[in-house]
Amino acid sequence: MVQASLALLASKLGSRGGSRLRLLKSPVTLTEAATERIKELLAKRHKEYLKLGIKRRGCNGLAYTLNYADEKGKFDELVEQNGVQVLIDSPALMHLFGTKIDFVEDRIRSEFTFSNPNSKGSCGCGESFTT
C-alpha cells in the first residue's frame, strides 16, 4: 500500500530517468553563522565538502568530528544548505539525526556547537556525548 502510494506520488511529481524521490527530512540543520563559517573554511582549503562524523572518544563515549573532503563517499549523506555542502559519515547518521549545528564566536571561544536531540548526556567539558 505504501509503496504504491509512493510510486503514484513520484509519477505525479514527474520523477524521471531513474532519479529517486526523497521524502526525508534533512538529517542536520545549519544556522546562518555555521554556513558562513563553513564557506570560509572550505574556501581557504579549496575543498568542496566538510564531513561530519563521530568517533569513540572522551568520558561519555562519542565525540563529533569535522574534516575536509574532496569527494562524496558511496554511503555518505549529503546535506546542502545556503550554498554549503556537508557530508555525514553513514555510521554517524543515526546519532546525528535532528542535530542543529551553530557557530559561536565570542571573546573566549570560537567553535561549532551541536544541539543534538539524541544525546542522553555529555561530559562536563562538552567534548563528548552519549546516545
N, C-alpha and C. Protein backbone atom coordinates (compact mmCIF):
# COMPACT_ATOMS: atom_id res chain seq x y z
N MET A 1 0.82 -1.19 0.00
CA MET A 1 0.00 0.00 0.00
C MET A 1 0.87 1.26 0.00
N VAL A 2 1.84 1.32 0.92
CA VAL A 2 2.71 2.49 1.00
C VAL A 2 3.55 2.62 -0.27
N GLN A 3 4.11 1.49 -0.75
CA GLN A 3 4.93 1.53 -1.96
C GLN A 3 4.12 2.03 -3.15
N ALA A 4 2.86 1.57 -3.25
CA ALA A 4 2.01 2.01 -4.35
C ALA A 4 1.73 3.50 -4.25
N SER A 5 1.49 3.99 -3.05
CA SER A 5 1.24 5.42 -2.86
C SER A 5 2.46 6.25 -3.22
N LEU A 6 3.65 5.78 -2.83
CA LEU A 6 4.88 6.49 -3.17
C LEU A 6 5.13 6.48 -4.68
N ALA A 7 4.86 5.36 -5.31
CA ALA A 7 5.04 5.27 -6.75
C ALA A 7 4.09 6.23 -7.47
N LEU A 8 2.85 6.31 -7.01
CA LEU A 8 1.89 7.23 -7.59
C LEU A 8 2.33 8.68 -7.39
N LEU A 9 2.79 8.99 -6.20
CA LEU A 9 3.28 10.33 -5.90
C LEU A 9 4.47 10.70 -6.78
N ALA A 10 5.40 9.77 -6.94
CA ALA A 10 6.58 10.01 -7.78
C ALA A 10 6.17 10.26 -9.23
N SER A 11 5.20 9.51 -9.72
CA SER A 11 4.76 9.71 -11.11
C SER A 11 4.06 11.06 -11.27
N LYS A 12 3.31 11.49 -10.26
CA LYS A 12 2.62 12.78 -10.32
C LYS A 12 3.60 13.96 -10.26
N LEU A 13 4.70 13.76 -9.51
CA LEU A 13 5.69 14.83 -9.38
C LEU A 13 6.66 14.87 -10.55
N GLY A 14 6.57 13.90 -11.42
CA GLY A 14 7.41 13.92 -12.62
C GLY A 14 8.79 13.34 -12.40
N SER A 15 8.91 12.32 -11.60
CA SER A 15 10.19 11.65 -11.41
C SER A 15 10.63 11.08 -12.75
N ARG A 16 11.86 11.38 -13.16
CA ARG A 16 12.35 10.98 -14.48
C ARG A 16 13.62 10.16 -14.40
N GLY A 17 13.82 9.37 -15.44
CA GLY A 17 15.09 8.72 -15.73
C GLY A 17 15.81 8.08 -14.56
N GLY A 18 15.14 7.34 -13.75
CA GLY A 18 15.81 6.61 -12.69
C GLY A 18 16.13 7.44 -11.46
N SER A 19 15.77 8.73 -11.47
CA SER A 19 16.03 9.51 -10.27
C SER A 19 15.10 9.03 -9.17
N ARG A 20 15.58 9.10 -7.95
CA ARG A 20 14.81 8.60 -6.83
C ARG A 20 14.18 9.76 -6.07
N LEU A 21 12.93 9.61 -5.76
CA LEU A 21 12.21 10.61 -4.99
C LEU A 21 12.61 10.47 -3.53
N ARG A 22 13.03 11.56 -2.92
CA ARG A 22 13.39 11.54 -1.50
C ARG A 22 12.40 12.37 -0.72
N LEU A 23 11.77 11.73 0.23
CA LEU A 23 10.79 12.41 1.06
C LEU A 23 11.29 12.50 2.50
N LEU A 24 12.59 12.57 2.67
CA LEU A 24 13.16 12.58 4.00
C LEU A 24 13.53 13.98 4.45
N LYS A 25 13.44 14.19 5.74
CA LYS A 25 13.89 15.45 6.34
C LYS A 25 15.41 15.45 6.35
N SER A 26 16.00 16.62 6.22
CA SER A 26 17.45 16.73 6.29
C SER A 26 17.93 16.24 7.67
N PRO A 27 18.96 15.40 7.71
CA PRO A 27 19.41 14.86 9.00
C PRO A 27 19.95 15.91 9.96
N VAL A 28 20.57 16.96 9.44
CA VAL A 28 21.08 18.03 10.29
C VAL A 28 20.69 19.37 9.67
N THR A 29 20.61 20.40 10.52
CA THR A 29 20.37 21.74 10.02
C THR A 29 21.52 22.63 10.47
N LEU A 30 21.80 23.63 9.66
CA LEU A 30 22.89 24.56 9.92
C LEU A 30 22.33 25.95 10.13
N THR A 31 22.84 26.65 11.11
CA THR A 31 22.44 28.05 11.29
C THR A 31 23.17 28.90 10.26
N GLU A 32 22.75 30.14 10.12
CA GLU A 32 23.41 31.04 9.19
C GLU A 32 24.88 31.25 9.57
N ALA A 33 25.15 31.36 10.86
CA ALA A 33 26.54 31.53 11.32
C ALA A 33 27.39 30.31 10.95
N ALA A 34 26.81 29.12 11.08
CA ALA A 34 27.54 27.90 10.74
C ALA A 34 27.82 27.83 9.24
N THR A 35 26.84 28.16 8.42
CA THR A 35 27.07 28.10 6.97
C THR A 35 28.11 29.12 6.53
N GLU A 36 28.09 30.31 7.11
CA GLU A 36 29.08 31.31 6.75
C GLU A 36 30.50 30.86 7.13
N ARG A 37 30.64 30.29 8.31
CA ARG A 37 31.95 29.81 8.75
C ARG A 37 32.43 28.64 7.90
N ILE A 38 31.53 27.74 7.56
CA ILE A 38 31.91 26.60 6.71
C ILE A 38 32.34 27.09 5.33
N LYS A 39 31.65 28.08 4.77
CA LYS A 39 32.05 28.66 3.49
C LYS A 39 33.48 29.21 3.57
N GLU A 40 33.78 29.92 4.64
CA GLU A 40 35.13 30.47 4.83
C GLU A 40 36.18 29.36 4.90
N LEU A 41 35.91 28.34 5.68
CA LEU A 41 36.86 27.25 5.86
C LEU A 41 37.10 26.49 4.56
N LEU A 42 36.02 26.20 3.82
CA LEU A 42 36.16 25.47 2.56
C LEU A 42 36.91 26.29 1.51
N ALA A 43 36.65 27.59 1.48
CA ALA A 43 37.34 28.46 0.52
C ALA A 43 38.84 28.53 0.82
N LYS A 44 39.21 28.62 2.10
CA LYS A 44 40.63 28.67 2.48
C LYS A 44 41.39 27.41 2.08
N ARG A 45 40.73 26.28 2.22
CA ARG A 45 41.38 24.99 1.94
C ARG A 45 41.13 24.49 0.52
N HIS A 46 40.32 25.20 -0.26
CA HIS A 46 39.97 24.80 -1.63
C HIS A 46 39.37 23.40 -1.63
N LYS A 47 38.44 23.18 -0.72
CA LYS A 47 37.76 21.89 -0.62
C LYS A 47 36.29 22.07 -0.95
N GLU A 48 35.66 20.99 -1.38
CA GLU A 48 34.25 21.04 -1.77
C GLU A 48 33.31 20.73 -0.61
N TYR A 49 33.76 19.86 0.30
CA TYR A 49 32.87 19.39 1.36
C TYR A 49 33.53 19.49 2.73
N LEU A 50 32.67 19.62 3.73
CA LEU A 50 33.06 19.41 5.12
C LEU A 50 32.35 18.14 5.54
N LYS A 51 33.07 17.21 6.15
CA LYS A 51 32.49 15.92 6.51
C LYS A 51 32.31 15.82 8.02
N LEU A 52 31.09 15.53 8.43
CA LEU A 52 30.72 15.40 9.82
C LEU A 52 30.61 13.92 10.18
N GLY A 53 31.22 13.57 11.29
CA GLY A 53 31.15 12.19 11.76
C GLY A 53 31.25 12.15 13.27
N ILE A 54 31.38 10.95 13.78
CA ILE A 54 31.61 10.76 15.20
C ILE A 54 32.69 9.71 15.38
N LYS A 55 33.35 9.74 16.52
CA LYS A 55 34.31 8.70 16.86
C LYS A 55 34.21 8.40 18.34
N ARG A 56 34.68 7.23 18.70
CA ARG A 56 34.67 6.84 20.12
C ARG A 56 35.79 7.59 20.82
N ARG A 57 35.37 8.40 21.80
CA ARG A 57 36.34 9.24 22.48
C ARG A 57 35.70 9.88 23.70
N GLY A 58 36.49 10.24 24.67
CA GLY A 58 36.02 11.00 25.81
C GLY A 58 35.34 10.16 26.87
N CYS A 59 34.94 10.81 27.93
CA CYS A 59 34.36 10.10 29.07
C CYS A 59 32.95 9.62 28.82
N ASN A 60 32.24 10.16 27.82
CA ASN A 60 30.90 9.69 27.52
C ASN A 60 30.83 8.80 26.29
N GLY A 61 31.95 8.59 25.63
CA GLY A 61 31.99 7.59 24.57
C GLY A 61 32.01 8.07 23.14
N LEU A 62 31.38 9.20 22.80
CA LEU A 62 31.32 9.67 21.42
C LEU A 62 31.71 11.13 21.34
N ALA A 63 32.38 11.49 20.25
CA ALA A 63 32.75 12.89 20.01
C ALA A 63 32.51 13.21 18.54
N TYR A 64 32.15 14.45 18.26
CA TYR A 64 31.93 14.90 16.89
C TYR A 64 33.27 15.09 16.19
N THR A 65 33.30 14.80 14.89
CA THR A 65 34.48 15.08 14.09
C THR A 65 34.06 15.92 12.88
N LEU A 66 34.91 16.85 12.48
CA LEU A 66 34.73 17.64 11.28
C LEU A 66 36.03 17.58 10.49
N ASN A 67 35.94 17.13 9.25
CA ASN A 67 37.11 17.00 8.39
C ASN A 67 36.78 17.53 7.00
N TYR A 68 37.80 17.88 6.26
CA TYR A 68 37.61 18.30 4.88
C TYR A 68 37.54 17.05 4.00
N ALA A 69 36.77 17.16 2.90
CA ALA A 69 36.66 16.04 1.96
C ALA A 69 36.63 16.58 0.53
N ASP A 70 37.26 15.83 -0.37
CA ASP A 70 37.28 16.20 -1.78
C ASP A 70 36.13 15.58 -2.56
N GLU A 71 35.66 14.43 -2.09
CA GLU A 71 34.59 13.75 -2.81
C GLU A 71 33.63 13.06 -1.85
N LYS A 72 32.44 12.80 -2.34
CA LYS A 72 31.39 12.14 -1.56
C LYS A 72 31.63 10.63 -1.61
N GLY A 73 31.66 10.02 -0.45
CA GLY A 73 31.77 8.57 -0.37
C GLY A 73 30.46 7.91 -0.77
N LYS A 74 30.52 6.64 -1.10
CA LYS A 74 29.36 5.90 -1.59
C LYS A 74 28.17 5.97 -0.63
N PHE A 75 28.42 5.89 0.66
CA PHE A 75 27.33 5.85 1.63
C PHE A 75 27.17 7.14 2.44
N ASP A 76 27.92 8.18 2.08
CA ASP A 76 27.80 9.46 2.77
C ASP A 76 26.46 10.12 2.46
N GLU A 77 25.89 10.78 3.43
CA GLU A 77 24.66 11.55 3.25
C GLU A 77 25.05 12.99 2.96
N LEU A 78 24.52 13.57 1.91
CA LEU A 78 24.83 14.95 1.54
C LEU A 78 23.74 15.89 2.04
N VAL A 79 24.16 16.92 2.76
CA VAL A 79 23.25 17.97 3.22
C VAL A 79 23.69 19.26 2.55
N GLU A 80 22.79 19.87 1.79
CA GLU A 80 23.08 21.14 1.13
C GLU A 80 22.17 22.21 1.73
N GLN A 81 22.80 23.26 2.21
CA GLN A 81 22.03 24.35 2.82
C GLN A 81 22.78 25.66 2.63
N ASN A 82 22.10 26.66 2.13
CA ASN A 82 22.67 28.00 1.93
C ASN A 82 24.00 27.98 1.18
N GLY A 83 24.11 27.14 0.17
CA GLY A 83 25.32 27.07 -0.64
C GLY A 83 26.46 26.29 -0.04
N VAL A 84 26.21 25.59 1.04
CA VAL A 84 27.24 24.79 1.72
C VAL A 84 26.88 23.31 1.57
N GLN A 85 27.91 22.50 1.33
CA GLN A 85 27.70 21.06 1.22
C GLN A 85 28.43 20.36 2.36
N VAL A 86 27.66 19.68 3.19
CA VAL A 86 28.21 18.94 4.32
C VAL A 86 27.89 17.46 4.11
N LEU A 87 28.91 16.63 4.24
CA LEU A 87 28.72 15.18 4.16
C LEU A 87 28.59 14.64 5.57
N ILE A 88 27.74 13.63 5.72
CA ILE A 88 27.62 12.96 7.01
C ILE A 88 28.05 11.51 6.81
N ASP A 89 29.02 11.10 7.60
CA ASP A 89 29.51 9.73 7.56
C ASP A 89 28.35 8.80 7.92
N SER A 90 28.11 7.78 7.11
CA SER A 90 26.92 6.94 7.30
C SER A 90 26.82 6.29 8.68
N PRO A 91 27.91 5.79 9.30
CA PRO A 91 27.75 5.23 10.64
C PRO A 91 27.32 6.25 11.69
N ALA A 92 27.56 7.52 11.44
CA ALA A 92 27.22 8.58 12.40
C ALA A 92 25.77 9.04 12.26
N LEU A 93 25.14 8.72 11.15
CA LEU A 93 23.82 9.26 10.84
C LEU A 93 22.79 9.01 11.93
N MET A 94 22.73 7.82 12.46
CA MET A 94 21.71 7.52 13.47
C MET A 94 21.92 8.31 14.76
N HIS A 95 23.16 8.72 15.03
CA HIS A 95 23.45 9.50 16.23
C HIS A 95 23.20 11.00 16.02
N LEU A 96 23.15 11.43 14.75
CA LEU A 96 23.11 12.86 14.44
C LEU A 96 21.77 13.36 13.94
N PHE A 97 20.84 12.47 13.65
CA PHE A 97 19.57 12.90 13.06
C PHE A 97 18.87 13.93 13.94
N GLY A 98 18.52 15.07 13.36
CA GLY A 98 17.84 16.13 14.09
C GLY A 98 18.78 17.16 14.71
N THR A 99 20.09 16.97 14.54
CA THR A 99 21.07 17.87 15.15
C THR A 99 21.09 19.23 14.47
N LYS A 100 21.19 20.27 15.27
CA LYS A 100 21.34 21.64 14.77
C LYS A 100 22.78 22.07 15.04
N ILE A 101 23.45 22.53 13.99
CA ILE A 101 24.86 22.95 14.10
C ILE A 101 24.92 24.47 14.02
N ASP A 102 25.61 25.05 14.98
CA ASP A 102 25.77 26.50 15.04
C ASP A 102 27.26 26.81 15.14
N PHE A 103 27.62 28.05 14.86
CA PHE A 103 28.99 28.51 15.06
C PHE A 103 28.93 29.68 16.02
N VAL A 104 29.70 29.58 17.11
CA VAL A 104 29.70 30.60 18.15
C VAL A 104 31.09 31.21 18.23
N GLU A 105 31.12 32.54 18.27
CA GLU A 105 32.40 33.24 18.39
C GLU A 105 32.21 34.39 19.37
N ASP A 106 33.00 34.38 20.42
CA ASP A 106 32.97 35.48 21.37
C ASP A 106 34.40 35.70 21.89
N ARG A 107 34.54 36.41 22.97
CA ARG A 107 35.87 36.75 23.48
C ARG A 107 36.63 35.52 24.00
N ILE A 108 35.90 34.50 24.37
CA ILE A 108 36.53 33.32 24.98
C ILE A 108 36.69 32.16 24.01
N ARG A 109 35.76 32.01 23.09
CA ARG A 109 35.78 30.82 22.23
C ARG A 109 35.36 31.11 20.80
N SER A 110 35.72 30.21 19.94
CA SER A 110 35.34 30.22 18.54
C SER A 110 35.18 28.77 18.15
N GLU A 111 33.90 28.30 18.07
CA GLU A 111 33.69 26.86 17.87
C GLU A 111 32.32 26.57 17.27
N PHE A 112 32.23 25.37 16.68
CA PHE A 112 30.95 24.85 16.26
C PHE A 112 30.29 24.22 17.48
N THR A 113 28.98 24.42 17.60
CA THR A 113 28.23 23.79 18.68
C THR A 113 27.17 22.89 18.06
N PHE A 114 26.84 21.84 18.78
CA PHE A 114 25.90 20.84 18.29
C PHE A 114 24.76 20.70 19.28
N SER A 115 23.55 20.95 18.83
CA SER A 115 22.37 20.73 19.64
C SER A 115 21.73 19.44 19.13
N ASN A 116 21.99 18.35 19.85
CA ASN A 116 21.61 17.02 19.39
C ASN A 116 20.48 16.46 20.24
N PRO A 117 19.29 16.27 19.65
CA PRO A 117 18.17 15.74 20.43
C PRO A 117 18.36 14.27 20.84
N ASN A 118 19.29 13.58 20.23
CA ASN A 118 19.55 12.17 20.55
C ASN A 118 20.50 12.00 21.73
N SER A 119 21.17 13.06 22.12
CA SER A 119 22.16 12.99 23.20
C SER A 119 21.46 12.76 24.53
N LYS A 120 21.91 11.73 25.22
CA LYS A 120 21.35 11.40 26.54
C LYS A 120 22.20 11.97 27.67
N GLY A 121 23.38 12.45 27.33
CA GLY A 121 24.26 13.04 28.32
C GLY A 121 25.56 13.48 27.68
N SER A 122 26.25 14.38 28.37
CA SER A 122 27.55 14.83 27.88
C SER A 122 28.46 15.06 29.08
N CYS A 123 29.75 15.13 28.81
CA CYS A 123 30.70 15.34 29.90
C CYS A 123 30.73 16.82 30.29
N GLY A 124 31.37 17.13 31.36
CA GLY A 124 31.42 18.49 31.87
C GLY A 124 32.04 19.49 30.91
N CYS A 125 33.06 19.08 30.16
CA CYS A 125 33.72 20.00 29.25
C CYS A 125 32.98 20.11 27.91
N GLY A 126 32.01 19.22 27.66
CA GLY A 126 31.23 19.29 26.42
C GLY A 126 31.88 18.64 25.22
N GLU A 127 32.99 17.95 25.42
CA GLU A 127 33.71 17.33 24.31
C GLU A 127 33.09 16.02 23.84
N SER A 128 32.45 15.30 24.74
CA SER A 128 31.89 14.01 24.34
C SER A 128 30.44 13.89 24.79
N PHE A 129 29.74 12.94 24.18
CA PHE A 129 28.32 12.74 24.47
C PHE A 129 27.99 11.27 24.34
N THR A 130 26.78 10.92 24.77
CA THR A 130 26.30 9.56 24.64
C THR A 130 24.87 9.60 24.09
N THR A 131 24.50 8.54 23.36
CA THR A 131 23.13 8.46 22.83
C THR A 131 22.45 7.22 23.35
